[in-house]
Amino acid sequence: MPKIPSSSVTFAFSERQKAWTTRYSFVPTCYASCGDVMLSSADGLGVWKHDVNSKRNRFYGTDYPCSLDVVFNDYPSEVKVFKALSIETNKDVWIGKFLTNQEHEDENNQESHDLLATLKDKEGMKYVELPRSSTNSTANIYPFYSILVDDDTINEASDNSEATNFFEVSLSILNDGRSPSFPAGEDVELLAVKDNNLLSFKNFINGYYQPLSNITFVGGVDKSISVVSVKNDVAVIRSSRPLGSNPNNFNTFIEAFTEFISLSQLYLKSPSNVNGDQMRGPYLKARLSCPDASGPVEINAVNIDYEFSSSAARLTQNT
């Protein structure tokens, strides 16, 4: 009979509940009881005395996190939007991740950004907003209006360096009720659809726009195009080019760049941890752990605040 593979884990049996109630990450080789003291030993680590340490999750000199997996499956036939988490616990800091629709291999499959925030205390209950989905998010992508670039749109300027000039283009974002307004930075990215392909502007020079293929610039283009501000439905895009030995290169780049954005459908991709999709599905799996192993960790309940999806049909006994 083949050996069944298993991970390194210790199962604990509760005499009070007459059931196997939990698992531990430490793996001893033997146990012993001396009076009221429980002892165990692991290969090469000596004898360990249990239930006497200030850090309850320390075994054989190693600190293990306190963790648990919880699945929320209320009304399993209905799609829900999961909004917030509350834990009845004595600890303020919990970390973790949330998953839903794991059985799907399409855009419905979601995995959240890591939960790293300190929970807010409200009358003994610890609350935190659920992190947004890090996979398959579309709420953080905003389309621009149809773009017509002219001399009034482009603002050429200099950063007081003899080697570099830049120009800025102000473009209006299609207001579909979301009205993005957030700090711009490296996490804000421009996307373009050209010839039915979704392109990142980081790849703008790398063969996607042929008139630029024969132009030699000093330095790379991938960091030269950036979003410098997003406010009141307007995004300001800056593009700077090292001029090198031929100043005409910059003018050629401006012409090619403006033609490219005039012929493409542009999108603004903001950070998914800020504007990404809320976790949604018929269930939600939470993987939670408490990094603070000092003192006992008490958990009385874990709750999820949710609302039913507007596109989900409520199932009743009459349907």
Protein backbone atom coordinates (compact mmCIF):
# COMPACT_ATOMS: atom_id res chain seq x y z
CA MET A 1 0.00 0.00 0.00
CA PRO A 2 1.54 3.38 -0.95
CA LYS A 3 2.38 5.79 1.82
CA ILE A 4 -0.04 8.69 2.09
CA PRO A 5 1.91 11.97 2.01
CA SER A 6 1.32 14.37 4.86
CA SER A 7 2.70 17.73 5.92
CA SER A 8 4.48 18.25 9.20
CA VAL A 9 1.67 18.89 11.65
CA THR A 10 0.50 17.79 15.10
CA PHE A 11 -3.20 17.08 15.75
CA ALA A 12 -4.64 17.80 19.21
CA PHE A 13 -7.49 15.90 20.87
CA SER A 14 -9.77 17.57 23.40
CA GLU A 15 -10.86 15.34 26.29
CA ARG A 16 -13.57 17.86 27.14
CA GLN A 17 -15.09 17.91 23.64
CA LYS A 18 -14.16 14.31 22.79
CA ALA A 19 -12.95 15.44 19.38
CA TRP A 20 -9.87 16.43 17.40
CA THR A 21 -10.06 20.21 17.73
CA THR A 22 -6.91 21.80 16.35
CA ARG A 23 -3.55 21.43 14.64
CA TYR A 24 -0.08 22.63 15.61
CA SER A 25 2.90 23.38 13.39
CA PHE A 26 5.48 21.89 15.74
CA VAL A 27 6.24 18.17 15.38
CA PRO A 28 7.71 16.35 18.43
CA THR A 29 9.10 12.83 18.35
CA CYS A 30 7.74 11.82 21.77
CA TYR A 31 5.59 13.02 24.69
CA ALA A 32 5.76 12.44 28.43
CA SER A 33 3.84 13.54 31.51
CA CYS A 34 5.55 14.30 34.79
CA GLY A 35 2.97 15.12 37.46
CA ASP A 36 0.94 17.97 36.00
CA VAL A 37 3.67 18.99 33.57
CA MET A 38 3.51 18.01 29.90
CA LEU A 39 6.86 17.34 28.25
CA SER A 40 7.84 16.62 24.68
CA SER A 41 11.01 16.18 22.72
CA ALA A 42 12.15 16.65 19.13
CA ASP A 43 15.25 15.27 17.45
CA GLY A 44 18.28 17.28 18.53
CA LEU A 45 16.22 19.94 20.34
CA GLY A 46 16.10 18.50 23.85
CA VAL A 47 13.09 18.35 26.17
CA TRP A 48 10.42 21.05 26.01
CA LYS A 49 8.11 21.96 28.92
CA HIS A 50 4.63 22.97 27.71
CA ASP A 51 2.19 25.60 29.03
CA VAL A 52 4.79 27.56 31.00
CA ASN A 53 6.03 30.06 28.37
CA SER A 54 4.91 33.68 28.09
CA LYS A 55 4.74 33.15 24.31
CA ARG A 56 2.14 30.45 23.91
CA ASN A 57 3.10 29.67 20.32
CA ARG A 58 6.81 29.09 21.00
CA PHE A 59 7.95 25.50 20.70
CA TYR A 60 11.57 24.33 20.77
CA GLY A 61 12.73 27.95 20.48
CA THR A 62 10.67 28.70 17.34
CA ASP A 63 7.75 31.17 17.33
CA TYR A 64 4.77 29.99 15.26
CA PRO A 65 1.94 32.31 14.15
CA CYS A 66 -1.56 31.79 15.43
CA SER A 67 -3.63 31.13 12.32
CA LEU A 68 -7.00 29.83 11.18
CA ASP A 69 -8.96 29.32 7.97
CA VAL A 70 -12.61 30.37 7.95
CA VAL A 71 -15.13 29.97 5.12
CA PHE A 72 -18.20 32.24 4.98
CA ASN A 73 -20.92 30.54 3.00
CA ASP A 74 -24.17 32.18 4.04
CA TYR A 75 -26.85 31.87 1.32
CA PRO A 76 -24.53 29.68 -0.82
CA SER A 77 -26.57 30.09 -4.02
CA GLU A 78 -26.35 33.87 -4.09
CA VAL A 79 -23.50 36.18 -5.14
CA LYS A 80 -22.47 38.61 -2.42
CA VAL A 81 -20.15 41.63 -2.22
CA PHE A 82 -17.94 41.26 0.85
CA LYS A 83 -17.16 44.58 2.53
CA ALA A 84 -15.69 44.34 6.02
CA LEU A 85 -14.34 41.93 8.61
CA SER A 86 -14.93 41.93 12.35
CA ILE A 87 -13.25 39.68 14.90
CA GLU A 88 -14.21 39.24 18.53
CA THR A 89 -10.65 38.96 19.79
CA ASN A 90 -8.20 40.41 22.30
CA LYS A 91 -5.60 41.26 19.63
CA ASP A 92 -5.53 44.38 17.44
CA VAL A 93 -3.32 43.13 14.62
CA TRP A 94 -4.29 40.28 12.32
CA ILE A 95 -2.87 39.56 8.90
CA GLY A 96 -4.22 37.37 6.16
CA LYS A 97 -5.67 36.95 2.70
CA PHE A 98 -9.14 36.35 1.27
CA LEU A 99 -10.14 34.14 -1.66
CA THR A 100 -13.32 33.36 -3.54
CA ASN A 101 -14.44 31.43 -6.62
CA GLN A 102 -11.31 29.30 -6.42
CA GLU A 103 -12.99 26.58 -8.46
CA HIS A 104 -13.13 28.93 -11.48
CA GLU A 105 -10.28 29.43 -13.92
CA ASP A 106 -11.57 32.69 -15.38
CA GLU A 107 -12.06 36.32 -14.33
CA ASN A 108 -14.38 35.27 -11.48
CA ASN A 109 -11.45 33.85 -9.53
CA GLN A 110 -10.37 36.43 -6.95
CA GLU A 111 -7.55 36.69 -4.43
CA SER A 112 -7.25 39.74 -2.23
CA HIS A 113 -4.27 41.90 -1.42
CA ASP A 114 -2.70 41.04 1.91
CA LEU A 115 -4.52 42.23 5.02
CA LEU A 116 -1.92 44.18 6.99
CA ALA A 117 -3.95 46.92 8.68
CA THR A 118 -4.49 47.32 12.40
CA LEU A 119 -8.09 46.56 13.29
CA LYS A 120 -10.18 49.41 14.67
CA ASP A 121 -11.70 48.85 18.10
CA LYS A 122 -15.45 49.48 18.39
CA GLU A 123 -16.82 48.51 21.80
CA GLY A 124 -14.63 45.44 22.02
CA MET A 125 -15.15 44.36 18.40
CA LYS A 126 -12.24 44.66 15.96
CA TYR A 127 -13.19 45.96 12.50
CA VAL A 128 -11.30 46.38 9.24
CA GLU A 129 -12.35 46.97 5.63
CA LEU A 130 -11.62 43.99 3.43
CA PRO A 131 -8.69 44.50 1.02
CA ARG A 132 -9.51 44.76 -2.69
CA SER A 133 -8.92 41.97 -5.18
CA SER A 134 -5.38 41.75 -6.52
CA THR A 135 -6.41 39.48 -9.41
CA ASN A 136 -8.89 40.11 -12.23
CA SER A 137 -9.76 43.63 -11.04
CA THR A 138 -11.37 45.97 -13.57
CA ALA A 139 -12.83 48.70 -11.32
CA ASN A 140 -9.39 50.31 -11.17
CA ILE A 141 -9.21 50.80 -14.97
CA TYR A 142 -10.69 54.05 -16.29
CA PRO A 143 -11.23 54.84 -20.01
CA PHE A 144 -10.39 58.20 -21.54
CA TYR A 145 -12.63 60.13 -23.89
CA SER A 146 -11.91 59.96 -27.60
CA ILE A 147 -8.68 61.89 -27.87
CA LEU A 148 -7.83 64.69 -30.26
CA VAL A 149 -4.36 66.08 -29.62
CA ASP A 150 -3.58 69.56 -30.92
CA ASP A 151 -1.16 72.37 -30.14
CA ASP A 152 -3.34 73.55 -27.26
CA THR A 153 -3.22 70.10 -25.61
CA ILE A 154 0.56 69.81 -25.51
CA ASN A 155 2.60 71.77 -23.03
CA GLU A 156 6.30 71.66 -23.77
CA ALA A 157 8.62 72.51 -20.90
CA SER A 158 12.10 72.05 -19.55
CA ASP A 159 13.29 70.71 -16.21
CA ASN A 160 16.29 73.07 -16.25
CA SER A 161 18.53 70.31 -17.53
CA GLU A 162 20.39 70.65 -20.79
CA ALA A 163 19.98 66.94 -21.44
CA THR A 164 16.22 66.54 -20.99
CA ASN A 165 13.00 68.25 -22.04
CA PHE A 166 9.49 67.01 -21.41
CA PHE A 167 5.97 67.64 -22.59
CA GLU A 168 2.64 67.14 -20.82
CA VAL A 169 -0.76 66.15 -22.17
CA SER A 170 -3.96 66.74 -20.17
CA LEU A 171 -6.60 64.14 -20.99
CA SER A 172 -10.16 63.83 -19.69
CA ILE A 173 -11.24 60.58 -18.08
CA LEU A 174 -14.66 59.24 -19.01
CA ASN A 175 -16.87 60.00 -16.02
CA ASP A 176 -18.94 56.90 -15.44
CA GLY A 177 -19.71 57.75 -11.83
CA ARG A 178 -16.38 56.70 -10.34
CA SER A 179 -14.52 60.03 -10.79
CA PRO A 180 -11.00 58.93 -9.85
CA SER A 181 -8.91 61.27 -7.73
CA PHE A 182 -5.82 59.82 -6.11
CA PRO A 183 -2.07 60.46 -5.87
CA ALA A 184 -0.22 59.52 -9.02
CA GLY A 185 2.99 57.57 -8.96
CA GLU A 186 4.74 54.48 -10.27
CA ASP A 187 1.67 52.33 -9.53
CA VAL A 188 -0.48 54.40 -11.91
CA GLU A 189 -0.07 53.18 -15.46
CA LEU A 190 -1.27 54.05 -18.95
CA LEU A 191 -2.72 51.33 -21.14
CA ALA A 192 -3.67 51.51 -24.80
CA VAL A 193 -5.73 49.31 -27.10
CA LYS A 194 -4.31 49.36 -30.63
CA ASP A 195 -5.07 46.78 -33.31
CA ASN A 196 -7.13 44.84 -30.71
CA ASN A 197 -4.11 44.48 -28.42
CA LEU A 198 -3.87 45.86 -24.91
CA LEU A 199 -0.50 47.55 -24.61
CA SER A 200 1.35 49.08 -21.74
CA PHE A 201 3.02 52.39 -22.50
CA LYS A 202 6.13 50.88 -20.97
CA ASN A 203 6.40 48.95 -24.23
CA PHE A 204 5.63 51.97 -26.41
CA ILE A 205 9.03 52.13 -28.09
CA ASN A 206 9.63 48.39 -28.34
CA GLY A 207 8.23 47.80 -31.81
CA TYR A 208 4.60 48.71 -31.16
CA TYR A 209 4.96 52.02 -32.97
CA GLN A 210 7.10 51.53 -36.03
CA PRO A 211 7.96 55.19 -36.88
CA LEU A 212 9.97 55.24 -33.64
CA SER A 213 11.90 52.06 -34.37
CA ASN A 214 14.69 53.85 -36.22
CA ILE A 215 15.13 56.61 -33.64
CA THR A 216 17.99 56.22 -31.20
CA PHE A 217 17.57 57.84 -27.79
CA VAL A 218 19.94 58.07 -24.85
CA GLY A 219 18.47 55.86 -22.13
CA GLY A 220 15.31 53.75 -22.15
CA VAL A 221 11.76 54.83 -22.80
CA ASP A 222 10.02 52.63 -20.24
CA LYS A 223 10.32 55.16 -17.40
CA SER A 224 9.90 58.30 -19.52
CA ILE A 225 6.09 58.21 -19.69
CA SER A 226 4.30 58.81 -16.40
CA VAL A 227 1.04 60.05 -14.91
CA VAL A 228 1.90 63.07 -12.78
CA SER A 229 -1.58 63.85 -11.43
CA VAL A 230 -5.14 62.51 -11.45
CA LYS A 231 -7.82 64.92 -10.25
CA ASN A 232 -11.32 66.05 -11.21
CA ASP A 233 -11.59 63.59 -14.11
CA VAL A 234 -8.37 64.84 -15.70
CA ALA A 235 -5.07 62.96 -15.91
CA VAL A 236 -1.86 64.81 -16.73
CA ILE A 237 0.58 62.63 -18.67
CA ARG A 238 4.23 63.60 -18.89
CA SER A 239 6.76 62.26 -21.34
CA SER A 240 10.42 63.19 -21.17
CA ARG A 241 13.12 62.26 -23.64
CA PRO A 242 16.89 62.47 -23.31
CA LEU A 243 17.92 64.56 -26.30
CA GLY A 244 21.36 63.09 -26.76
CA SER A 245 23.36 64.60 -29.57
CA ASN A 246 20.39 65.21 -31.88
CA PRO A 247 17.76 67.63 -30.50
CA ASN A 248 15.42 66.81 -33.40
CA ASN A 249 14.84 63.39 -31.86
CA PHE A 250 12.63 64.94 -29.20
CA ASN A 251 10.36 66.68 -31.71
CA THR A 252 10.05 63.44 -33.67
CA PHE A 253 9.13 61.62 -30.49
CA ILE A 254 6.40 64.16 -29.68
CA GLU A 255 4.91 63.72 -33.14
CA ALA A 256 4.96 59.94 -32.92
CA PHE A 257 3.65 59.89 -29.37
CA THR A 258 0.73 62.22 -30.06
CA GLU A 259 -0.20 60.28 -33.19
CA PHE A 260 -0.12 57.08 -31.21
CA ILE A 261 -2.49 58.28 -28.49
CA SER A 262 -4.78 59.86 -31.11
CA LEU A 263 -5.20 56.51 -32.87
CA SER A 264 -5.51 54.38 -29.70
CA GLN A 265 -8.13 53.86 -27.02
CA LEU A 266 -6.42 54.87 -23.78
CA TYR A 267 -7.05 53.63 -20.25
CA LEU A 268 -5.75 54.69 -16.87
CA LYS A 269 -4.86 51.79 -14.59
CA SER A 270 -4.77 52.80 -10.95
CA PRO A 271 -3.51 50.59 -8.09
CA SER A 272 -5.84 47.65 -7.51
CA ASN A 273 -5.25 47.80 -3.74
CA VAL A 274 -6.88 51.28 -3.79
CA ASN A 275 -9.54 51.10 -6.50
CA GLY A 276 -9.72 47.41 -7.37
CA ASP A 277 -12.80 45.20 -7.30
CA GLN A 278 -14.39 44.33 -4.01
CA MET A 279 -14.28 40.64 -3.22
CA ARG A 280 -17.46 39.03 -4.49
CA GLY A 281 -18.86 35.54 -4.90
CA PRO A 282 -21.14 33.00 -3.21
CA TYR A 283 -18.56 32.34 -0.47
CA LEU A 284 -15.41 33.87 0.99
CA LYS A 285 -12.42 32.00 2.36
CA ALA A 286 -10.35 33.85 4.96
CA ARG A 287 -6.82 32.83 5.92
CA LEU A 288 -6.03 34.77 9.10
CA SER A 289 -3.04 34.76 11.41
CA CYS A 290 -1.97 36.74 14.46
CA PRO A 291 1.71 37.76 14.42
CA ASP A 292 1.63 38.67 18.13
CA ALA A 293 2.26 35.40 19.97
CA SER A 294 2.78 37.01 23.39
CA GLY A 295 0.04 35.96 25.78
CA PRO A 296 -3.08 33.99 24.94
CA VAL A 297 -4.98 34.75 21.73
CA GLU A 298 -8.74 34.72 22.23
CA ILE A 299 -11.23 34.45 19.37
CA ASN A 300 -14.94 34.28 20.06
CA ALA A 301 -16.28 34.98 16.58
CA VAL A 302 -15.24 36.03 13.06
CA ASN A 303 -17.86 37.93 11.07
CA ILE A 304 -18.11 39.25 7.51
CA ASP A 305 -20.22 42.23 6.50
CA TYR A 306 -21.66 41.81 3.00
CA GLU A 307 -24.45 42.88 0.70
CA PHE A 308 -26.14 40.93 -2.05
CA SER A 309 -24.95 41.64 -5.57
CA SER A 310 -27.39 43.74 -7.57
CA SER A 311 -27.05 41.33 -10.49
CA ALA A 312 -27.78 38.24 -8.40
CA ALA A 313 -31.33 36.88 -8.43
CA ARG A 314 -32.56 36.10 -4.93
CA LEU A 315 -33.59 32.45 -4.71
CA THR A 316 -36.72 31.71 -2.69
CA GLN A 317 -38.98 28.75 -2.21
CA ASN A 318 -41.21 30.10 -4.99
CA THR A 319 -38.51 30.10 -7.69
